Amino acid sequence: MLAPRVAKVPGRRVPRTVDEDELAVRAVLGQQVSTAAARTHAARLVVEAGEPVADPEGGLTHLFPTAAAVAAVDPESLRLPRTRRATVLRLARALADGEVDLAPGADRATAQRCWTA
């Protein structure tokens, strides 16, 4: 079943995550920048709004922030271009309010319309 679809777009990498909100925020953070820059932006956001974690063995310092936590971030603390900063915050508010639903059971067409809006 997948073979024809894979043949249409060979080499496409499918990002995976257990947190669809995190993937959406990371997608916006990573637009038009290098992978290294996207990681830096995400790391700053995690330190700013993520919940601290005690992980002396593994080096994990924070959980990725919830959509509500991202939406509450002071816009001036995000070192992003103004348009991308507004997009990240608007997306986070929409996710937190349930306006955009990216959960596995969500209606794909509705999610796509909300995402592109």
PDB file of N, CA and C in Angstrom:
ATOM      1  N   MET A   1       0.807  -1.197   0.000  1.00  0.00           N
ATOM      2  CA  MET A   1       0.000   0.000   0.000  1.00  0.00           C
ATOM      3  C   MET A   1       0.858   1.274   0.000  1.00  0.00           C
ATOM      4  N   LEU A   2       1.958   1.245   0.706  1.00  0.00           N
ATOM      5  CA  LEU A   2       2.798   2.434   0.798  1.00  0.00           C
ATOM      6  C   LEU A   2       3.717   2.614  -0.405  1.00  0.00           C
ATOM      7  N   ALA A   3       4.034   1.520  -1.100  1.00  0.00           N
ATOM      8  CA  ALA A   3       5.020   1.577  -2.180  1.00  0.00           C
ATOM      9  C   ALA A   3       4.740   2.679  -3.200  1.00  0.00           C
ATOM     10  N   PRO A   4       3.529   2.837  -3.721  1.00  0.00           N
ATOM     11  CA  PRO A   4       3.291   3.903  -4.699  1.00  0.00           C
ATOM     12  C   PRO A   4       3.487   5.300  -4.113  1.00  0.00           C
ATOM     13  N   ARG A   5       3.116   5.466  -2.863  1.00  0.00           N
ATOM     14  CA  ARG A   5       3.270   6.779  -2.229  1.00  0.00           C
ATOM     15  C   ARG A   5       4.743   7.098  -1.987  1.00  0.00           C
ATOM     16  N   VAL A   6       5.497   6.118  -1.562  1.00  0.00           N
ATOM     17  CA  VAL A   6       6.927   6.319  -1.343  1.00  0.00           C
ATOM     18  C   VAL A   6       7.610   6.600  -2.673  1.00  0.00           C
ATOM     19  N   ALA A   7       7.192   5.912  -3.715  1.00  0.00           N
ATOM     20  CA  ALA A   7       7.791   6.112  -5.043  1.00  0.00           C
ATOM     21  C   ALA A   7       7.564   7.537  -5.549  1.00  0.00           C
ATOM     22  N   LYS A   8       6.446   8.161  -5.168  1.00  0.00           N
ATOM     23  CA  LYS A   8       6.164   9.538  -5.598  1.00  0.00           C
ATOM     24  C   LYS A   8       7.132  10.548  -4.992  1.00  0.00           C
ATOM     25  N   VAL A   9       7.562  10.306  -3.770  1.00  0.00           N
ATOM     26  CA  VAL A   9       8.447  11.248  -3.076  1.00  0.00           C
ATOM     27  C   VAL A   9       9.579  10.483  -2.391  1.00  0.00           C
ATOM     28  N   PRO A  10      10.481   9.894  -3.163  1.00  0.00           N
ATOM     29  CA  PRO A  10      11.562   9.106  -2.551  1.00  0.00           C
ATOM     30  C   PRO A  10      12.479   9.983  -1.700  1.00  0.00           C
ATOM     31  N   GLY A  11      12.894   9.424  -0.586  1.00  0.00           N
ATOM     32  CA  GLY A  11      13.828  10.147   0.273  1.00  0.00           C
ATOM     33  C   GLY A  11      13.178  11.096   1.253  1.00  0.00           C
ATOM     34  N   ARG A  12      11.875  11.230   1.213  1.00  0.00           N
ATOM     35  CA  ARG A  12      11.206  12.134   2.151  1.00  0.00           C
ATOM     36  C   ARG A  12      11.347  11.591   3.559  1.00  0.00           C
ATOM     37  N   ARG A  13      11.806  12.443   4.455  1.00  0.00           N
ATOM     38  CA  ARG A  13      11.950  12.065   5.857  1.00  0.00           C
ATOM     39  C   ARG A  13      10.668  12.414   6.577  1.00  0.00           C
ATOM     40  N   VAL A  14      10.156  11.470   7.327  1.00  0.00           N
ATOM     41  CA  VAL A  14       8.934  11.696   8.083  1.00  0.00           C
ATOM     42  C   VAL A  14       9.315  11.950   9.531  1.00  0.00           C
ATOM     43  N   PRO A  15       9.151  13.197   9.997  1.00  0.00           N
ATOM     44  CA  PRO A  15       9.476  13.470  11.397  1.00  0.00           C
ATOM     45  C   PRO A  15       8.517  12.725  12.314  1.00  0.00           C
ATOM     46  N   ARG A  16       9.039  12.307  13.432  1.00  0.00           N
ATOM     47  CA  ARG A  16       8.211  11.564  14.389  1.00  0.00           C
ATOM     48  C   ARG A  16       8.331  12.198  15.762  1.00  0.00           C
ATOM     49  N   THR A  17       7.260  12.077  16.505  1.00  0.00           N
ATOM     50  CA  THR A  17       7.246  12.575  17.864  1.00  0.00           C
ATOM     51  C   THR A  17       6.059  11.960  18.590  1.00  0.00           C
ATOM     52  N   VAL A  18       6.105  11.975  19.879  1.00  0.00           N
ATOM     53  CA  VAL A  18       4.945  11.541  20.657  1.00  0.00           C
ATOM     54  C   VAL A  18       4.091  12.742  21.036  1.00  0.00           C
ATOM     55  N   ASP A  19       4.569  13.941  20.720  1.00  0.00           N
ATOM     56  CA  ASP A  19       3.861  15.166  21.076  1.00  0.00           C
ATOM     57  C   ASP A  19       3.637  16.004  19.818  1.00  0.00           C
ATOM     58  N   GLU A  20       2.428  15.949  19.291  1.00  0.00           N
ATOM     59  CA  GLU A  20       2.132  16.656  18.048  1.00  0.00           C
ATOM     60  C   GLU A  20       2.262  18.171  18.186  1.00  0.00           C
ATOM     61  N   ASP A  21       1.959  18.728  19.358  1.00  0.00           N
ATOM     62  CA  ASP A  21       2.116  20.169  19.565  1.00  0.00           C
ATOM     63  C   ASP A  21       3.590  20.560  19.477  1.00  0.00           C
ATOM     64  N   GLU A  22       4.457  19.742  20.081  1.00  0.00           N
ATOM     65  CA  GLU A  22       5.892  20.015  20.006  1.00  0.00           C
ATOM     66  C   GLU A  22       6.362  19.989  18.556  1.00  0.00           C
ATOM     67  N   LEU A  23       5.939  19.002  17.799  1.00  0.00           N
ATOM     68  CA  LEU A  23       6.351  18.903  16.400  1.00  0.00           C
ATOM     69  C   LEU A  23       5.911  20.137  15.617  1.00  0.00           C
ATOM     70  N   ALA A  24       4.697  20.619  15.865  1.00  0.00           N
ATOM     71  CA  ALA A  24       4.188  21.797  15.164  1.00  0.00           C
ATOM     72  C   ALA A  24       5.019  23.035  15.502  1.00  0.00           C
ATOM     73  N   VAL A  25       5.311  23.233  16.783  1.00  0.00           N
ATOM     74  CA  VAL A  25       6.113  24.394  17.196  1.00  0.00           C
ATOM     75  C   VAL A  25       7.521  24.290  16.611  1.00  0.00           C
ATOM     76  N   ARG A  26       8.108  23.105  16.655  1.00  0.00           N
ATOM     77  CA  ARG A  26       9.447  22.921  16.087  1.00  0.00           C
ATOM     78  C   ARG A  26       9.453  23.166  14.575  1.00  0.00           C
ATOM     79  N   ALA A  27       8.379  22.799  13.902  1.00  0.00           N
ATOM     80  CA  ALA A  27       8.297  23.034  12.454  1.00  0.00           C
ATOM     81  C   ALA A  27       8.345  24.523  12.145  1.00  0.00           C
ATOM     82  N   VAL A  28       7.630  25.315  12.925  1.00  0.00           N
ATOM     83  CA  VAL A  28       7.644  26.760  12.709  1.00  0.00           C
ATOM     84  C   VAL A  28       9.004  27.346  13.087  1.00  0.00           C
ATOM     85  N   LEU A  29       9.570  26.900  14.205  1.00  0.00           N
ATOM     86  CA  LEU A  29      10.888  27.400  14.614  1.00  0.00           C
ATOM     87  C   LEU A  29      11.942  27.113  13.552  1.00  0.00           C
ATOM     88  N   GLY A  30      11.805  25.994  12.858  1.00  0.00           N
ATOM     89  CA  GLY A  30      12.812  25.574  11.894  1.00  0.00           C
ATOM     90  C   GLY A  30      12.647  26.112  10.495  1.00  0.00           C
ATOM     91  N   GLN A  31      11.632  26.911  10.248  1.00  0.00           N
ATOM     92  CA  GLN A  31      11.407  27.429   8.909  1.00  0.00           C
ATOM     93  C   GLN A  31      12.494  28.411   8.509  1.00  0.00           C
ATOM     94  N   GLN A  32      13.055  28.184   7.344  1.00  0.00           N
ATOM     95  CA  GLN A  32      14.020  29.079   6.703  1.00  0.00           C
ATOM     96  C   GLN A  32      15.288  29.303   7.518  1.00  0.00           C
ATOM     97  N   VAL A  33      15.647  28.335   8.342  1.00  0.00           N
ATOM     98  CA  VAL A  33      16.910  28.402   9.071  1.00  0.00           C
ATOM     99  C   VAL A  33      17.583  27.039   8.999  1.00  0.00           C
ATOM    100  N   SER A  34      18.844  26.991   9.349  1.00  0.00           N
ATOM    101  CA  SER A  34      19.567  25.724   9.358  1.00  0.00           C
ATOM    102  C   SER A  34      19.058  24.839  10.492  1.00  0.00           C
ATOM    103  N   THR A  35      19.386  23.575  10.407  1.00  0.00           N
ATOM    104  CA  THR A  35      19.011  22.642  11.471  1.00  0.00           C
ATOM    105  C   THR A  35      19.626  23.077  12.790  1.00  0.00           C
ATOM    106  N   ALA A  36      20.872  23.532  12.749  1.00  0.00           N
ATOM    107  CA  ALA A  36      21.542  23.980  13.975  1.00  0.00           C
ATOM    108  C   ALA A  36      20.825  25.191  14.579  1.00  0.00           C
ATOM    109  N   ALA A  37      20.421  26.137  13.736  1.00  0.00           N
ATOM    110  CA  ALA A  37      19.712  27.319  14.235  1.00  0.00           C
ATOM    111  C   ALA A  37      18.357  26.926  14.814  1.00  0.00           C
ATOM    112  N   ALA A  38      17.668  25.997  14.160  1.00  0.00           N
ATOM    113  CA  ALA A  38      16.373  25.534  14.674  1.00  0.00           C
ATOM    114  C   ALA A  38      16.539  24.888  16.040  1.00  0.00           C
ATOM    115  N   ARG A  39      17.601  24.084  16.205  1.00  0.00           N
ATOM    116  CA  ARG A  39      17.864  23.465  17.517  1.00  0.00           C
ATOM    117  C   ARG A  39      18.126  24.535  18.569  1.00  0.00           C
ATOM    118  N   THR A  40      18.864  25.565  18.202  1.00  0.00           N
ATOM    119  CA  THR A  40      19.172  26.648  19.140  1.00  0.00           C
ATOM    120  C   THR A  40      17.893  27.365  19.568  1.00  0.00           C
ATOM    121  N   HIS A  41      17.021  27.680  18.605  1.00  0.00           N
ATOM    122  CA  HIS A  41      15.753  28.345  18.935  1.00  0.00           C
ATOM    123  C   HIS A  41      14.909  27.459  19.849  1.00  0.00           C
ATOM    124  N   ALA A  42      14.843  26.172  19.533  1.00  0.00           N
ATOM    125  CA  ALA A  42      14.053  25.245  20.355  1.00  0.00           C
ATOM    126  C   ALA A  42      14.638  25.144  21.762  1.00  0.00           C
ATOM    127  N   ALA A  43      15.956  25.063  21.856  1.00  0.00           N
ATOM    128  CA  ALA A  43      16.600  24.956  23.172  1.00  0.00           C
ATOM    129  C   ALA A  43      16.321  26.192  24.014  1.00  0.00           C
ATOM    130  N   ARG A  44      16.366  27.359  23.410  1.00  0.00           N
ATOM    131  CA  ARG A  44      16.062  28.592  24.149  1.00  0.00           C
ATOM    132  C   ARG A  44      14.621  28.591  24.647  1.00  0.00           C
ATOM    133  N   LEU A  45      13.712  28.145  23.793  1.00  0.00           N
ATOM    134  CA  LEU A  45      12.302  28.085  24.181  1.00  0.00           C
ATOM    135  C   LEU A  45      12.102  27.093  25.322  1.00  0.00           C
ATOM    136  N   VAL A  46      12.779  25.966  25.252  1.00  0.00           N
ATOM    137  CA  VAL A  46      12.668  24.944  26.296  1.00  0.00           C
ATOM    138  C   VAL A  46      13.155  25.494  27.637  1.00  0.00           C
ATOM    139  N   VAL A  47      14.263  26.182  27.635  1.00  0.00           N
ATOM    140  CA  VAL A  47      14.793  26.754  28.875  1.00  0.00           C
ATOM    141  C   VAL A  47      13.858  27.847  29.399  1.00  0.00           C
ATOM    142  N   GLU A  48      13.303  28.638  28.483  1.00  0.00           N
ATOM    143  CA  GLU A  48      12.407  29.739  28.857  1.00  0.00           C
ATOM    144  C   GLU A  48      11.085  29.246  29.434  1.00  0.00           C
ATOM    145  N   ALA A  49      10.495  28.212  28.819  1.00  0.00           N
ATOM    146  CA  ALA A  49       9.123  27.857  29.180  1.00  0.00           C
ATOM    147  C   ALA A  49       8.918  26.400  29.574  1.00  0.00           C
ATOM    148  N   GLY A  50       9.934  25.574  29.411  1.00  0.00           N
ATOM    149  CA  GLY A  50       9.785  24.156  29.735  1.00  0.00           C
ATOM    150  C   GLY A  50       9.883  23.892  31.227  1.00  0.00           C
ATOM    151  N   GLU A  51       9.307  22.792  31.623  1.00  0.00           N
ATOM    152  CA  GLU A  51       9.341  22.395  33.033  1.00  0.00           C
ATOM    153  C   GLU A  51      10.693  21.750  33.346  1.00  0.00           C
ATOM    154  N   PRO A  52      11.407  22.238  34.374  1.00  0.00           N
ATOM    155  CA  PRO A  52      12.688  21.632  34.737  1.00  0.00           C
ATOM    156  C   PRO A  52      12.533  20.168  35.149  1.00  0.00           C
ATOM    157  N   VAL A  53      13.548  19.379  34.840  1.00  0.00           N
ATOM    158  CA  VAL A  53      13.542  17.947  35.136  1.00  0.00           C
ATOM    159  C   VAL A  53      14.825  17.601  35.878  1.00  0.00           C
ATOM    160  N   ALA A  54      14.701  16.773  36.886  1.00  0.00           N
ATOM    161  CA  ALA A  54      15.889  16.274  37.585  1.00  0.00           C
ATOM    162  C   ALA A  54      16.319  14.979  36.896  1.00  0.00           C
ATOM    163  N   ASP A  55      17.426  15.036  36.159  1.00  0.00           N
ATOM    164  CA  ASP A  55      17.927  13.874  35.422  1.00  0.00           C
ATOM    165  C   ASP A  55      19.453  13.857  35.523  1.00  0.00           C
ATOM    166  N   PRO A  56      19.995  13.539  36.705  1.00  0.00           N
ATOM    167  CA  PRO A  56      21.444  13.604  36.890  1.00  0.00           C
ATOM    168  C   PRO A  56      22.223  12.641  35.999  1.00  0.00           C
ATOM    169  N   GLU A  57      21.623  11.574  35.570  1.00  0.00           N
ATOM    170  CA  GLU A  57      22.319  10.573  34.760  1.00  0.00           C
ATOM    171  C   GLU A  57      22.292  10.886  33.273  1.00  0.00           C
ATOM    172  N   GLY A  58      21.186  11.447  32.770  1.00  0.00           N
ATOM    173  CA  GLY A  58      21.005  11.564  31.330  1.00  0.00           C
ATOM    174  C   GLY A  58      21.252  12.924  30.724  1.00  0.00           C
ATOM    175  N   GLY A  59      21.294  13.968  31.508  1.00  0.00           N
ATOM    176  CA  GLY A  59      21.549  15.291  30.960  1.00  0.00           C
ATOM    177  C   GLY A  59      20.314  16.050  30.512  1.00  0.00           C
ATOM    178  N   LEU A  60      19.136  15.469  30.656  1.00  0.00           N
ATOM    179  CA  LEU A  60      17.899  16.172  30.320  1.00  0.00           C
ATOM    180  C   LEU A  60      17.672  17.239  31.381  1.00  0.00           C
ATOM    181  N   THR A  61      17.401  18.473  30.945  1.00  0.00           N
ATOM    182  CA  THR A  61      17.210  19.559  31.902  1.00  0.00           C
ATOM    183  C   THR A  61      15.768  20.039  31.990  1.00  0.00           C
ATOM    184  N   HIS A  62      15.033  19.949  30.877  1.00  0.00           N
ATOM    185  CA  HIS A  62      13.662  20.463  30.825  1.00  0.00           C
ATOM    186  C   HIS A  62      12.820  19.605  29.888  1.00  0.00           C
ATOM    187  N   LEU A  63      11.525  19.580  30.158  1.00  0.00           N
ATOM    188  CA  LEU A  63      10.583  19.018  29.209  1.00  0.00           C
ATOM    189  C   LEU A  63      10.261  20.089  28.178  1.00  0.00           C
ATOM    190  N   PHE A  64       9.890  19.689  26.971  1.00  0.00           N
ATOM    191  CA  PHE A  64       9.453  20.675  25.988  1.00  0.00           C
ATOM    192  C   PHE A  64       8.197  21.324  26.547  1.00  0.00           C
ATOM    193  N   PRO A  65       8.066  22.637  26.436  1.00  0.00           N
ATOM    194  CA  PRO A  65       6.914  23.316  27.036  1.00  0.00           C
ATOM    195  C   PRO A  65       5.595  22.942  26.365  1.00  0.00           C
ATOM    196  N   THR A  66       4.550  22.977  27.144  1.00  0.00           N
ATOM    197  CA  THR A  66       3.212  22.756  26.600  1.00  0.00           C
ATOM    198  C   THR A  66       2.851  23.934  25.700  1.00  0.00           C
ATOM    199  N   ALA A  67       1.829  23.748  24.892  1.00  0.00           N
ATOM    200  CA  ALA A  67       1.366  24.843  24.038  1.00  0.00           C
ATOM    201  C   ALA A  67       0.952  26.045  24.884  1.00  0.00           C
ATOM    202  N   ALA A  68       0.300  25.784  26.008  1.00  0.00           N
ATOM    203  CA  ALA A  68      -0.121  26.883  26.892  1.00  0.00           C
ATOM    204  C   ALA A  68       1.085  27.640  27.441  1.00  0.00           C
ATOM    205  N   ALA A  69       2.142  26.906  27.791  1.00  0.00           N
ATOM    206  CA  ALA A  69       3.353  27.554  28.307  1.00  0.00           C
ATOM    207  C   ALA A  69       4.026  28.392  27.218  1.00  0.00           C
ATOM    208  N   VAL A  70       4.047  27.885  25.993  1.00  0.00           N
ATOM    209  CA  VAL A  70       4.634  28.655  24.884  1.00  0.00           C
ATOM    210  C   VAL A  70       3.803  29.907  24.641  1.00  0.00           C
ATOM    211  N   ALA A  71       2.483  29.768  24.661  1.00  0.00           N
ATOM    212  CA  ALA A  71       1.602  30.913  24.425  1.00  0.00           C
ATOM    213  C   ALA A  71       1.796  32.006  25.467  1.00  0.00           C
ATOM    214  N   ALA A  72       2.220  31.636  26.672  1.00  0.00           N
ATOM    215  CA  ALA A  72       2.396  32.602  27.757  1.00  0.00           C
ATOM    216  C   ALA A  72       3.775  33.259  27.782  1.00  0.00           C
ATOM    217  N   VAL A  73       4.653  32.838  26.893  1.00  0.00           N
ATOM    218  CA  VAL A  73       6.013  33.380  26.866  1.00  0.00           C
ATOM    219  C   VAL A  73       5.990  34.861  26.481  1.00  0.00           C
ATOM    220  N   ASP A  74       6.851  35.634  27.102  1.00  0.00           N
ATOM    221  CA  ASP A  74       7.016  37.037  26.733  1.00  0.00           C
ATOM    222  C   ASP A  74       7.579  37.078  25.318  1.00  0.00           C
ATOM    223  N   PRO A  75       6.868  37.674  24.373  1.00  0.00           N
ATOM    224  CA  PRO A  75       7.336  37.685  22.980  1.00  0.00           C
ATOM    225  C   PRO A  75       8.753  38.237  22.813  1.00  0.00           C
ATOM    226  N   GLU A  76       9.114  39.185  23.653  1.00  0.00           N
ATOM    227  CA  GLU A  76      10.446  39.789  23.536  1.00  0.00           C
ATOM    228  C   GLU A  76      11.562  38.824  23.926  1.00  0.00           C
ATOM    229  N   SER A  77      11.214  37.756  24.642  1.00  0.00           N
ATOM    230  CA  SER A  77      12.249  36.793  25.046  1.00  0.00           C
ATOM    231  C   SER A  77      12.602  35.828  23.913  1.00  0.00           C
ATOM    232  N   LEU A  78      11.765  35.788  22.883  1.00  0.00           N
ATOM    233  CA  LEU A  78      12.034  34.904  21.743  1.00  0.00           C
ATOM    234  C   LEU A  78      12.884  35.658  20.722  1.00  0.00           C
ATOM    235  N   ARG A  79      14.091  35.184  20.534  1.00  0.00           N
ATOM    236  CA  ARG A  79      14.989  35.843  19.584  1.00  0.00           C
ATOM    237  C   ARG A  79      14.745  35.272  18.191  1.00  0.00           C
ATOM    238  N   LEU A  80      13.614  35.687  17.637  1.00  0.00           N
ATOM    239  CA  LEU A  80      13.181  35.238  16.314  1.00  0.00           C
ATOM    240  C   LEU A  80      12.765  36.465  15.514  1.00  0.00           C
ATOM    241  N   PRO A  81      12.742  36.332  14.192  1.00  0.00           N
ATOM    242  CA  PRO A  81      12.161  37.424  13.402  1.00  0.00           C
ATOM    243  C   PRO A  81      10.719  37.664  13.847  1.00  0.00           C
ATOM    244  N   ARG A  82      10.279  38.895  13.781  1.00  0.00           N
ATOM    245  CA  ARG A  82       8.977  39.289  14.294  1.00  0.00           C
ATOM    246  C   ARG A  82       7.838  38.408  13.752  1.00  0.00           C
ATOM    247  N   THR A  83       7.856  38.117  12.461  1.00  0.00           N
ATOM    248  CA  THR A  83       6.787  37.322  11.860  1.00  0.00           C
ATOM    249  C   THR A  83       6.790  35.896  12.387  1.00  0.00           C
ATOM    250  N   ARG A  84       7.968  35.286  12.496  1.00  0.00           N
ATOM    251  CA  ARG A  84       8.036  33.919  13.002  1.00  0.00           C
ATOM    252  C   ARG A  84       7.639  33.874  14.472  1.00  0.00           C
ATOM    253  N   ARG A  85       8.063  34.872  15.234  1.00  0.00           N
ATOM    254  CA  ARG A  85       7.688  34.940  16.654  1.00  0.00           C
ATOM    255  C   ARG A  85       6.166  35.007  16.786  1.00  0.00           C
ATOM    256  N   ALA A  86       5.522  35.847  15.986  1.00  0.00           N
ATOM    257  CA  ALA A  86       4.062  35.957  16.024  1.00  0.00           C
ATOM    258  C   ALA A  86       3.407  34.641  15.619  1.00  0.00           C
ATOM    259  N   THR A  87       3.979  33.962  14.644  1.00  0.00           N
ATOM    260  CA  THR A  87       3.429  32.683  14.187  1.00  0.00           C
ATOM    261  C   THR A  87       3.533  31.626  15.272  1.00  0.00           C
ATOM    262  N   VAL A  88       4.682  31.551  15.932  1.00  0.00           N
ATOM    263  CA  VAL A  88       4.868  30.568  17.014  1.00  0.00           C
ATOM    264  C   VAL A  88       3.851  30.814  18.130  1.00  0.00           C
ATOM    265  N   LEU A  89       3.696  32.058  18.516  1.00  0.00           N
ATOM    266  CA  LEU A  89       2.784  32.378  19.614  1.00  0.00           C
ATOM    267  C   LEU A  89       1.327  32.163  19.217  1.00  0.00           C
ATOM    268  N   ARG A  90       0.964  32.523  17.987  1.00  0.00           N
ATOM    269  CA  ARG A  90      -0.411  32.309  17.510  1.00  0.00           C
ATOM    270  C   ARG A  90      -0.717  30.818  17.428  1.00  0.00           C
ATOM    271  N   LEU A  91       0.226  30.044  16.908  1.00  0.00           N
ATOM    272  CA  LEU A  91       0.053  28.597  16.825  1.00  0.00           C
ATOM    273  C   LEU A  91      -0.103  28.003  18.222  1.00  0.00           C
ATOM    274  N   ALA A  92       0.746  28.420  19.145  1.00  0.00           N
ATOM    275  CA  ALA A  92       0.677  27.893  20.515  1.00  0.00           C
ATOM    276  C   ALA A  92      -0.674  28.203  21.152  1.00  0.00           C
ATOM    277  N   ARG A  93      -1.172  29.421  20.947  1.00  0.00           N
ATOM    278  CA  ARG A  93      -2.491  29.774  21.493  1.00  0.00           C
ATOM    279  C   ARG A  93      -3.586  28.916  20.868  1.00  0.00           C
ATOM    280  N   ALA A  94      -3.511  28.716  19.563  1.00  0.00           N
ATOM    281  CA  ALA A  94      -4.520  27.907  18.863  1.00  0.00           C
ATOM    282  C   ALA A  94      -4.486  26.457  19.336  1.00  0.00           C
ATOM    283  N   LEU A  95      -3.292  25.926  19.565  1.00  0.00           N
ATOM    284  CA  LEU A  95      -3.168  24.560  20.077  1.00  0.00           C
ATOM    285  C   LEU A  95      -3.686  24.469  21.512  1.00  0.00           C
ATOM    286  N   ALA A  96      -3.308  25.427  22.336  1.00  0.00           N
ATOM    287  CA  ALA A  96      -3.717  25.420  23.747  1.00  0.00           C
ATOM    288  C   ALA A  96      -5.228  25.572  23.895  1.00  0.00           C
ATOM    289  N   ASP A  97      -5.833  26.385  23.034  1.00  0.00           N
ATOM    290  CA  ASP A  97      -7.277  26.628  23.104  1.00  0.00           C
ATOM    291  C   ASP A  97      -8.101  25.542  22.419  1.00  0.00           C
ATOM    292  N   GLY A  98      -7.431  24.605  21.741  1.00  0.00           N
ATOM    293  CA  GLY A  98      -8.150  23.558  21.033  1.00  0.00           C
ATOM    294  C   GLY A  98      -8.667  23.992  19.675  1.00  0.00           C
ATOM    295  N   GLU A  99      -8.302  25.192  19.251  1.00  0.00           N
ATOM    296  CA  GLU A  99      -8.710  25.702  17.943  1.00  0.00           C
ATOM    297  C   GLU A  99      -8.074  24.867  16.824  1.00  0.00           C
ATOM    298  N   VAL A 100      -6.838  24.416  17.063  1.00  0.00           N
ATOM    299  CA  VAL A 100      -6.144  23.520  16.143  1.00  0.00           C
ATOM    300  C   VAL A 100      -5.921  22.208  16.875  1.00  0.00           C
ATOM    301  N   ASP A 101      -6.371  21.122  16.268  1.00  0.00           N
ATOM    302  CA  ASP A 101      -6.218  19.791  16.855  1.00  0.00           C
ATOM    303  C   ASP A 101      -5.355  18.953  15.931  1.00  0.00           C
ATOM    304  N   LEU A 102      -4.183  18.589  16.404  1.00  0.00           N
ATOM    305  CA  LEU A 102      -3.255  17.788  15.604  1.00  0.00           C
ATOM    306  C   LEU A 102      -3.106  16.377  16.162  1.00  0.00           C
ATOM    307  N   ALA A 103      -3.980  15.988  17.071  1.00  0.00           N
ATOM    308  CA  ALA A 103      -3.920  14.656  17.667  1.00  0.00           C
ATOM    309  C   ALA A 103      -4.114  13.591  16.585  1.00  0.00           C
ATOM    310  N   PRO A 104      -3.611  12.386  16.832  1.00  0.00           N
ATOM    311  CA  PRO A 104      -3.738  11.321  15.827  1.00  0.00           C
ATOM    312  C   PRO A 104      -5.163  11.082  15.336  1.00  0.00           C
ATOM    313  N   GLY A 105      -6.159  11.264  16.170  1.00  0.00           N
ATOM    314  CA  GLY A 105      -7.538  11.022  15.762  1.00  0.00           C
ATOM    315  C   GLY A 105      -8.225  12.227  15.143  1.00  0.00           C
ATOM    316  N   ALA A 106      -7.518  13.348  15.026  1.00  0.00           N
ATOM    317  CA  ALA A 106      -8.130  14.567  14.494  1.00  0.00           C
ATOM    318  C   ALA A 106      -8.441  14.405  13.009  1.00  0.00           C
ATOM    319  N   ASP A 107      -9.442  15.130  12.559  1.00  0.00           N
ATOM    320  CA  ASP A 107      -9.780  15.132  11.150  1.00  0.00           C
ATOM    321  C   ASP A 107      -8.660  15.826  10.369  1.00  0.00           C
ATOM    322  N   ARG A 108      -8.080  15.099   9.439  1.00  0.00           N
ATOM    323  CA  ARG A 108      -6.910  15.607   8.721  1.00  0.00           C
ATOM    324  C   ARG A 108      -7.227  16.864   7.908  1.00  0.00           C
ATOM    325  N   ALA A 109      -8.342  16.889   7.220  1.00  0.00           N
ATOM    326  CA  ALA A 109      -8.695  18.054   6.401  1.00  0.00           C
ATOM    327  C   ALA A 109      -8.908  19.291   7.273  1.00  0.00           C
ATOM    328  N   THR A 110      -9.579  19.113   8.393  1.00  0.00           N
ATOM    329  CA  THR A 110      -9.795  20.227   9.316  1.00  0.00           C
ATOM    330  C   THR A 110      -8.465  20.707   9.885  1.00  0.00           C
ATOM    331  N   ALA A 111      -7.627  19.787  10.294  1.00  0.00           N
ATOM    332  CA  ALA A 111      -6.307  20.157  10.842  1.00  0.00           C
ATOM    333  C   ALA A 111      -5.495  20.914   9.799  1.00  0.00           C
ATOM    334  N   GLN A 112      -5.545  20.474   8.553  1.00  0.00           N
ATOM    335  CA  GLN A 112      -4.795  21.158   7.487  1.00  0.00           C
ATOM    336  C   GLN A 112      -5.320  22.573   7.268  1.00  0.00           C
ATOM    337  N   ARG A 113      -6.643  22.736   7.260  1.00  0.00           N
ATOM    338  CA  ARG A 113      -7.218  24.076   7.101  1.00  0.00           C
ATOM    339  C   ARG A 113      -6.790  24.987   8.256  1.00  0.00           C
ATOM    340  N   CYS A 114      -6.863  24.464   9.473  1.00  0.00           N
ATOM    341  CA  CYS A 114      -6.472  25.261  10.648  1.00  0.00           C
ATOM    342  C   CYS A 114      -4.987  25.585  10.608  1.00  0.00           C
ATOM    343  N   TRP A 115      -4.175  24.614  10.220  1.00  0.00           N
ATOM    344  CA  TRP A 115      -2.716  24.806  10.182  1.00  0.00           C
ATOM    345  C   TRP A 115      -2.356  25.904   9.183  1.00  0.00           C
ATOM    346  N   THR A 116      -2.941  25.844   8.002  1.00  0.00           N
ATOM    347  CA  THR A 116      -2.579  26.828   6.982  1.00  0.00           C
ATOM    348  C   THR A 116      -3.166  28.198   7.278  1.00  0.00           C
ATOM    349  N   ALA A 117      -4.257  28.261   8.054  1.00  0.00           N
ATOM    350  CA  ALA A 117      -4.822  29.559   8.426  1.00  0.00           C
ATOM    351  C   ALA A 117      -3.863  30.301   9.346  1.00  0.00           C
TER     352      ALA A 117
END
